[in-house]
């Protein structure tokens, strides 16, 4: 059974959790790796040129939730 950390939370609460995760808990190179997977046609230079924060903000809430869940699982399995 996979636990859903967003179950019973409002979109506002979910956004706060994800924002804290992105701003406080992830190193810059991990952010780059995540965005490279989310934008497969982009290079590191292009991501930086467009702005890491801007690229993150342009992802949908569902995409961010998937990223959060994959990173959360990774922390406990590796």
Protein backbone atom coordinates (compact mmCIF):
# COMPACT_ATOMS: atom_id res chain seq x y z
CA UNK A 1 0.00 0.00 0.00
CA UNK A 2 1.38 3.40 -0.97
CA UNK A 3 0.60 6.25 1.38
CA UNK A 4 -0.58 9.48 -0.18
CA UNK A 5 0.91 12.41 1.77
CA UNK A 6 -1.62 14.71 0.10
CA UNK A 7 -4.74 12.81 1.02
CA UNK A 8 -7.26 14.99 2.85
CA UNK A 9 -5.26 18.15 2.14
CA UNK A 10 -6.44 21.22 0.26
CA UNK A 11 -4.63 22.46 -2.84
CA UNK A 12 -3.31 25.34 -0.74
CA UNK A 13 -1.84 22.94 1.83
CA UNK A 14 -0.37 20.80 -0.93
CA UNK A 15 1.24 23.83 -2.57
CA UNK A 16 2.79 24.79 0.79
CA UNK A 17 4.23 21.29 1.34
CA UNK A 18 5.66 21.19 -2.17
CA UNK A 19 6.99 24.74 -1.94
CA UNK A 20 8.79 23.97 1.32
CA UNK A 21 10.19 20.79 -0.21
CA UNK A 22 11.47 22.63 -3.31
CA UNK A 23 12.85 25.70 -1.53
CA UNK A 24 14.33 24.14 1.60
CA UNK A 25 15.06 20.48 1.02
CA UNK A 26 16.58 20.12 -2.42
CA UNK A 27 20.09 20.94 -3.56
CA UNK A 28 20.56 22.95 -6.74
CA UNK A 29 21.91 20.03 -8.78
CA UNK A 30 18.97 17.86 -7.75
CA UNK A 31 16.62 20.62 -8.93
CA UNK A 32 18.42 20.62 -12.28
CA UNK A 33 18.10 16.82 -12.53
CA UNK A 34 14.39 16.97 -11.73
CA UNK A 35 13.75 19.69 -14.30
CA UNK A 36 15.77 17.88 -16.97
CA UNK A 37 13.41 14.92 -16.55
CA UNK A 38 10.38 17.21 -16.64
CA UNK A 39 11.64 19.07 -19.73
CA UNK A 40 13.41 16.39 -21.78
CA UNK A 41 14.22 18.71 -24.69
CA UNK A 42 16.07 21.18 -22.48
CA UNK A 43 19.74 21.36 -21.59
CA UNK A 44 21.13 22.60 -18.28
CA UNK A 45 22.07 25.87 -19.95
CA UNK A 46 18.58 26.37 -21.32
CA UNK A 47 16.99 25.65 -17.92
CA UNK A 48 19.30 28.16 -16.24
CA UNK A 49 18.69 30.71 -18.98
CA UNK A 50 14.92 30.40 -18.56
CA UNK A 51 15.18 30.40 -14.78
CA UNK A 52 15.02 27.37 -12.50
CA UNK A 53 12.26 28.87 -10.34
CA UNK A 54 10.21 29.92 -13.36
CA UNK A 55 10.47 26.46 -14.91
CA UNK A 56 9.41 24.85 -11.64
CA UNK A 57 6.44 27.19 -11.30
CA UNK A 58 5.27 26.34 -14.81
CA UNK A 59 4.80 22.67 -13.89
CA UNK A 60 1.27 21.60 -12.99
CA UNK A 61 0.35 20.72 -9.43
CA UNK A 62 -0.02 17.06 -10.44
CA UNK A 63 3.50 17.05 -11.92
CA UNK A 64 4.89 18.60 -8.74
CA UNK A 65 3.07 16.04 -6.60
CA UNK A 66 4.56 13.22 -8.69
CA UNK A 67 8.04 14.72 -8.31
CA UNK A 68 7.56 15.17 -4.57
CA UNK A 69 6.41 11.57 -4.19
CA UNK A 70 9.28 10.18 -6.26
CA UNK A 71 11.86 12.18 -4.29
CA UNK A 72 10.25 11.23 -0.98
CA UNK A 73 10.38 7.52 -1.87
CA UNK A 74 13.97 7.87 -3.07
CA UNK A 75 15.05 9.32 0.28
CA UNK A 76 13.84 6.25 2.15
CA UNK A 77 14.80 3.53 -0.29
CA UNK A 78 18.39 4.52 -1.17
